[in-house]
Amino acid sequence: MSNVKEVDVWTGNVQEAWVDYNGHMNDAAYAKVFSLSLDALMAHIGLDATGIAKLEYTIFTLEAHIKYVSEVHQGQTLHVAMKLLDVDPKRMHLWFVMKDDQGNTVATSEQMVMGMDQSIGRPAPFPAEVQTEISKLPLLEKDEWPEVANQPMGIRRKR
């Protein structure tokens, strides 16, 4: 069995439109890249445009937390990998890591997503063929989770 605990989902370059007045990628562009990464993961598990239309099923993001680690600039190549933290019949708890070409982490995004039956407009279990693909994703054990996963946001005060 493989020890690979992540799935490469997206690679691309920082676009000119993503760069702000500070000369680096805007915070909203990080969210855009993580959204594109979720779309790529959806395609990986059978929910590309064709699969969504055929199954009348999609995935909605319920919550997302982005941590900005370092700046990136126009033209830089970025790579995003996904780690599956947890899963149940209709939800996935995901951890995305964005890295530069040198392998440095530049941002992370923790996301809770839920499957939606579009025919009724309500949450529903993943269709069987999607569940089969999800079951092939490497699932991290709780003690393998990134240290900063599942942590509340707040001002840290020295005591």
C-alpha atoms as a PDB file:
ATOM      1  CA  MET A   1       0.000   0.000   0.000  1.00  0.00           C
ATOM      2  CA  SER A   2       1.198   3.515  -0.821  1.00  0.00           C
ATOM      3  CA  ASN A   3       2.235   5.985   1.886  1.00  0.00           C
ATOM      4  CA  VAL A   4       1.024   8.923  -0.218  1.00  0.00           C
ATOM      5  CA  LYS A   5      -1.360  10.890   1.975  1.00  0.00           C
ATOM      6  CA  GLU A   6      -2.208  13.707  -0.440  1.00  0.00           C
ATOM      7  CA  VAL A   7      -3.560  14.152  -3.936  1.00  0.00           C
ATOM      8  CA  ASP A   8      -2.172  16.780  -6.309  1.00  0.00           C
ATOM      9  CA  VAL A   9      -5.215  18.637  -7.595  1.00  0.00           C
ATOM     10  CA  TRP A  10      -4.181  21.927  -9.240  1.00  0.00           C
ATOM     11  CA  THR A  11      -1.176  23.635 -10.837  1.00  0.00           C
ATOM     12  CA  GLY A  12      -1.151  27.090 -12.394  1.00  0.00           C
ATOM     13  CA  ASN A  13       0.511  30.473 -12.538  1.00  0.00           C
ATOM     14  CA  VAL A  14      -0.312  33.677 -10.676  1.00  0.00           C
ATOM     15  CA  GLN A  15      -2.271  35.763 -13.171  1.00  0.00           C
ATOM     16  CA  GLU A  16      -1.748  39.502 -13.637  1.00  0.00           C
ATOM     17  CA  ALA A  17      -5.380  40.134 -12.584  1.00  0.00           C
ATOM     18  CA  TRP A  18      -4.680  38.399  -9.258  1.00  0.00           C
ATOM     19  CA  VAL A  19      -1.940  40.851  -8.244  1.00  0.00           C
ATOM     20  CA  ASP A  20      -2.942  43.813  -6.085  1.00  0.00           C
ATOM     21  CA  TYR A  21      -1.552  47.258  -5.272  1.00  0.00           C
ATOM     22  CA  ASN A  22       0.975  45.647  -2.921  1.00  0.00           C
ATOM     23  CA  GLY A  23       2.602  43.825  -5.842  1.00  0.00           C
ATOM     24  CA  HIS A  24       1.638  40.326  -4.721  1.00  0.00           C
ATOM     25  CA  MET A  25      -1.318  37.986  -5.069  1.00  0.00           C
ATOM     26  CA  ASN A  26      -4.483  39.420  -3.524  1.00  0.00           C
ATOM     27  CA  ASP A  27      -6.209  37.551  -0.699  1.00  0.00           C
ATOM     28  CA  ALA A  28      -9.259  36.910  -2.896  1.00  0.00           C
ATOM     29  CA  ALA A  29      -7.021  35.247  -5.483  1.00  0.00           C
ATOM     30  CA  TYR A  30      -5.840  32.729  -2.892  1.00  0.00           C
ATOM     31  CA  ALA A  31      -9.519  31.871  -2.352  1.00  0.00           C
ATOM     32  CA  LYS A  32      -9.930  31.602  -6.142  1.00  0.00           C
ATOM     33  CA  VAL A  33      -7.046  29.128  -6.387  1.00  0.00           C
ATOM     34  CA  PHE A  34      -8.468  27.034  -3.553  1.00  0.00           C
ATOM     35  CA  SER A  35     -11.892  27.121  -5.256  1.00  0.00           C
ATOM     36  CA  LEU A  36     -10.304  25.936  -8.509  1.00  0.00           C
ATOM     37  CA  SER A  37      -8.593  23.218  -6.485  1.00  0.00           C
ATOM     38  CA  LEU A  38     -11.927  22.048  -5.068  1.00  0.00           C
ATOM     39  CA  ASP A  39     -13.333  22.008  -8.617  1.00  0.00           C
ATOM     40  CA  ALA A  40     -10.381  19.846  -9.685  1.00  0.00           C
ATOM     41  CA  LEU A  41     -10.989  17.482  -6.763  1.00  0.00           C
ATOM     42  CA  MET A  42     -14.660  17.281  -7.726  1.00  0.00           C
ATOM     43  CA  ALA A  43     -13.668  16.322 -11.277  1.00  0.00           C
ATOM     44  CA  HIS A  44     -11.272  13.724  -9.836  1.00  0.00           C
ATOM     45  CA  ILE A  45     -14.171  12.024  -7.989  1.00  0.00           C
ATOM     46  CA  GLY A  46     -16.555  12.156 -10.967  1.00  0.00           C
ATOM     47  CA  LEU A  47     -18.233  15.519 -10.438  1.00  0.00           C
ATOM     48  CA  ASP A  48     -16.992  17.428 -13.453  1.00  0.00           C
ATOM     49  CA  ALA A  49     -19.627  19.281 -15.529  1.00  0.00           C
ATOM     50  CA  THR A  50     -20.741  16.035 -17.204  1.00  0.00           C
ATOM     51  CA  GLY A  51     -20.958  14.117 -13.918  1.00  0.00           C
ATOM     52  CA  ILE A  52     -22.851  16.928 -12.194  1.00  0.00           C
ATOM     53  CA  ALA A  53     -25.405  17.061 -15.028  1.00  0.00           C
ATOM     54  CA  LYS A  54     -25.785  13.258 -15.222  1.00  0.00           C
ATOM     55  CA  LEU A  55     -26.082  12.700 -11.469  1.00  0.00           C
ATOM     56  CA  GLU A  56     -27.904  15.964 -10.654  1.00  0.00           C
ATOM     57  CA  TYR A  57     -25.481  16.197  -7.764  1.00  0.00           C
ATOM     58  CA  THR A  58     -22.818  18.686  -6.734  1.00  0.00           C
ATOM     59  CA  ILE A  59     -20.760  19.810  -3.765  1.00  0.00           C
ATOM     60  CA  PHE A  60     -21.211  23.031  -1.784  1.00  0.00           C
ATOM     61  CA  THR A  61     -18.623  24.567   0.515  1.00  0.00           C
ATOM     62  CA  LEU A  62     -20.011  25.007   4.028  1.00  0.00           C
ATOM     63  CA  GLU A  63     -16.957  26.589   5.654  1.00  0.00           C
ATOM     64  CA  ALA A  64     -13.447  27.545   4.588  1.00  0.00           C
ATOM     65  CA  HIS A  65     -10.472  28.914   6.506  1.00  0.00           C
ATOM     66  CA  ILE A  66      -7.454  30.280   4.642  1.00  0.00           C
ATOM     67  CA  LYS A  67      -4.083  30.818   6.263  1.00  0.00           C
ATOM     68  CA  TYR A  68      -1.714  33.068   4.349  1.00  0.00           C
ATOM     69  CA  VAL A  69       1.877  32.000   4.901  1.00  0.00           C
ATOM     70  CA  SER A  70       3.893  33.980   2.349  1.00  0.00           C
ATOM     71  CA  GLU A  71       3.534  36.292  -0.625  1.00  0.00           C
ATOM     72  CA  VAL A  72       3.489  35.114  -4.213  1.00  0.00           C
ATOM     73  CA  HIS A  73       3.948  37.235  -7.295  1.00  0.00           C
ATOM     74  CA  GLN A  74       2.767  37.427 -10.893  1.00  0.00           C
ATOM     75  CA  GLY A  75       3.937  34.537 -13.021  1.00  0.00           C
ATOM     76  CA  GLN A  76       4.937  32.291 -10.113  1.00  0.00           C
ATOM     77  CA  THR A  77       3.844  28.677 -10.480  1.00  0.00           C
ATOM     78  CA  LEU A  78       1.680  27.302  -7.694  1.00  0.00           C
ATOM     79  CA  HIS A  79       0.809  23.709  -6.849  1.00  0.00           C
ATOM     80  CA  VAL A  80      -2.099  22.651  -4.650  1.00  0.00           C
ATOM     81  CA  ALA A  81      -2.439  19.261  -2.988  1.00  0.00           C
ATOM     82  CA  MET A  82      -5.386  17.975  -0.945  1.00  0.00           C
ATOM     83  CA  LYS A  83      -5.432  15.853   2.179  1.00  0.00           C
ATOM     84  CA  LEU A  84      -8.663  14.175   3.284  1.00  0.00           C
ATOM     85  CA  LEU A  85      -9.083  14.704   7.024  1.00  0.00           C
ATOM     86  CA  ASP A  86     -12.505  13.112   7.475  1.00  0.00           C
ATOM     87  CA  VAL A  87     -15.501  11.924   5.489  1.00  0.00           C
ATOM     88  CA  ASP A  88     -19.043  10.724   6.115  1.00  0.00           C
ATOM     89  CA  PRO A  89     -21.839   9.756   3.692  1.00  0.00           C
ATOM     90  CA  LYS A  90     -22.389  13.355   2.499  1.00  0.00           C
ATOM     91  CA  ARG A  91     -19.509  15.521   3.792  1.00  0.00           C
ATOM     92  CA  MET A  92     -15.758  15.802   3.424  1.00  0.00           C
ATOM     93  CA  HIS A  93     -13.340  17.681   5.694  1.00  0.00           C
ATOM     94  CA  LEU A  94     -10.473  18.761   3.433  1.00  0.00           C
ATOM     95  CA  TRP A  95      -7.035  20.293   3.885  1.00  0.00           C
ATOM     96  CA  PHE A  96      -5.492  22.030   0.865  1.00  0.00           C
ATOM     97  CA  VAL A  97      -1.828  23.089   0.787  1.00  0.00           C
ATOM     98  CA  MET A  98      -0.613  25.646  -1.773  1.00  0.00           C
ATOM     99  CA  LYS A  99       3.113  25.536  -2.521  1.00  0.00           C
ATOM    100  CA  ASP A 100       5.492  27.432  -4.753  1.00  0.00           C
ATOM    101  CA  ASP A 101       7.953  25.800  -7.178  1.00  0.00           C
ATOM    102  CA  GLN A 102      10.538  25.430  -4.412  1.00  0.00           C
ATOM    103  CA  GLY A 103       8.080  23.390  -2.341  1.00  0.00           C
ATOM    104  CA  ASN A 104       7.478  26.147   0.207  1.00  0.00           C
ATOM    105  CA  THR A 105       3.974  26.319   1.648  1.00  0.00           C
ATOM    106  CA  VAL A 106       2.460  29.700   0.757  1.00  0.00           C
ATOM    107  CA  ALA A 107      -1.095  29.123   2.033  1.00  0.00           C
ATOM    108  CA  THR A 108      -3.459  26.496   3.394  1.00  0.00           C
ATOM    109  CA  SER A 109      -7.217  26.143   3.220  1.00  0.00           C
ATOM    110  CA  GLU A 110      -9.284  23.950   5.486  1.00  0.00           C
ATOM    111  CA  GLN A 111     -12.731  23.271   4.048  1.00  0.00           C
ATOM    112  CA  MET A 112     -15.907  21.475   5.034  1.00  0.00           C
ATOM    113  CA  VAL A 113     -17.925  20.533   1.967  1.00  0.00           C
ATOM    114  CA  MET A 114     -21.299  18.833   1.580  1.00  0.00           C
ATOM    115  CA  GLY A 115     -22.911  16.899  -1.233  1.00  0.00           C
ATOM    116  CA  MET A 116     -26.133  18.330  -2.631  1.00  0.00           C
ATOM    117  CA  ASP A 117     -28.840  16.568  -4.615  1.00  0.00           C
ATOM    118  CA  GLN A 118     -29.728  19.214  -7.196  1.00  0.00           C
ATOM    119  CA  SER A 119     -33.064  17.576  -8.048  1.00  0.00           C
ATOM    120  CA  ILE A 120     -34.385  18.362  -4.557  1.00  0.00           C
ATOM    121  CA  GLY A 121     -32.019  21.197  -3.586  1.00  0.00           C
ATOM    122  CA  ARG A 122     -31.003  19.486  -0.341  1.00  0.00           C
ATOM    123  CA  PRO A 123     -27.996  17.714   1.147  1.00  0.00           C
ATOM    124  CA  ALA A 124     -27.827  14.031   0.258  1.00  0.00           C
ATOM    125  CA  PRO A 125     -25.343  11.158   0.466  1.00  0.00           C
ATOM    126  CA  PHE A 126     -22.730  10.935  -2.259  1.00  0.00           C
ATOM    127  CA  PRO A 127     -23.919   8.886  -5.261  1.00  0.00           C
ATOM    128  CA  ALA A 128     -22.443   5.375  -5.305  1.00  0.00           C
ATOM    129  CA  GLU A 129     -19.945   6.068  -8.103  1.00  0.00           C
ATOM    130  CA  VAL A 130     -18.751   9.258  -6.369  1.00  0.00           C
ATOM    131  CA  GLN A 131     -18.486   7.434  -3.035  1.00  0.00           C
ATOM    132  CA  THR A 132     -16.367   4.775  -4.743  1.00  0.00           C
ATOM    133  CA  GLU A 133     -13.923   7.433  -5.944  1.00  0.00           C
ATOM    134  CA  ILE A 134     -13.883   9.173  -2.551  1.00  0.00           C
ATOM    135  CA  SER A 135     -13.058   5.857  -0.895  1.00  0.00           C
ATOM    136  CA  LYS A 136      -9.902   5.697  -3.049  1.00  0.00           C
ATOM    137  CA  LEU A 137      -8.619   8.984  -1.578  1.00  0.00           C
ATOM    138  CA  PRO A 138      -6.044   8.562   1.180  1.00  0.00           C
ATOM    139  CA  LEU A 139      -7.644   9.357   4.541  1.00  0.00           C
ATOM    140  CA  LEU A 140      -5.432  10.777   7.277  1.00  0.00           C
ATOM    141  CA  GLU A 141      -5.643   9.342  10.756  1.00  0.00           C
ATOM    142  CA  LYS A 142      -6.404  11.968  13.394  1.00  0.00           C
ATOM    143  CA  ASP A 143      -2.786  11.901  14.644  1.00  0.00           C
ATOM    144  CA  GLU A 144      -1.596  12.633  11.063  1.00  0.00           C
ATOM    145  CA  TRP A 145      -3.621  15.841  10.721  1.00  0.00           C
ATOM    146  CA  PRO A 146      -1.689  19.086  10.318  1.00  0.00           C
ATOM    147  CA  GLU A 147      -1.151  20.609  13.754  1.00  0.00           C
ATOM    148  CA  VAL A 148      -3.116  23.730  12.837  1.00  0.00           C
ATOM    149  CA  ALA A 149      -6.124  21.865  11.405  1.00  0.00           C
ATOM    150  CA  ASN A 150      -9.478  22.139  13.144  1.00  0.00           C
ATOM    151  CA  GLN A 151      -8.340  25.069  15.279  1.00  0.00           C
ATOM    152  CA  PRO A 152     -10.499  28.053  16.200  1.00  0.00           C
ATOM    153  CA  MET A 153      -9.529  31.520  15.072  1.00  0.00           C
ATOM    154  CA  GLY A 154      -8.795  34.134  17.685  1.00  0.00           C
ATOM    155  CA  ILE A 155      -6.352  36.635  19.080  1.00  0.00           C
ATOM    156  CA  ARG A 156      -3.627  34.818  20.946  1.00  0.00           C
ATOM    157  CA  ARG A 157      -2.826  36.572  24.189  1.00  0.00           C
ATOM    158  CA  LYS A 158       0.304  36.112  26.261  1.00  0.00           C
ATOM    159  CA  ARG A 159      -0.486  35.256  29.846  1.00  0.00           C
END
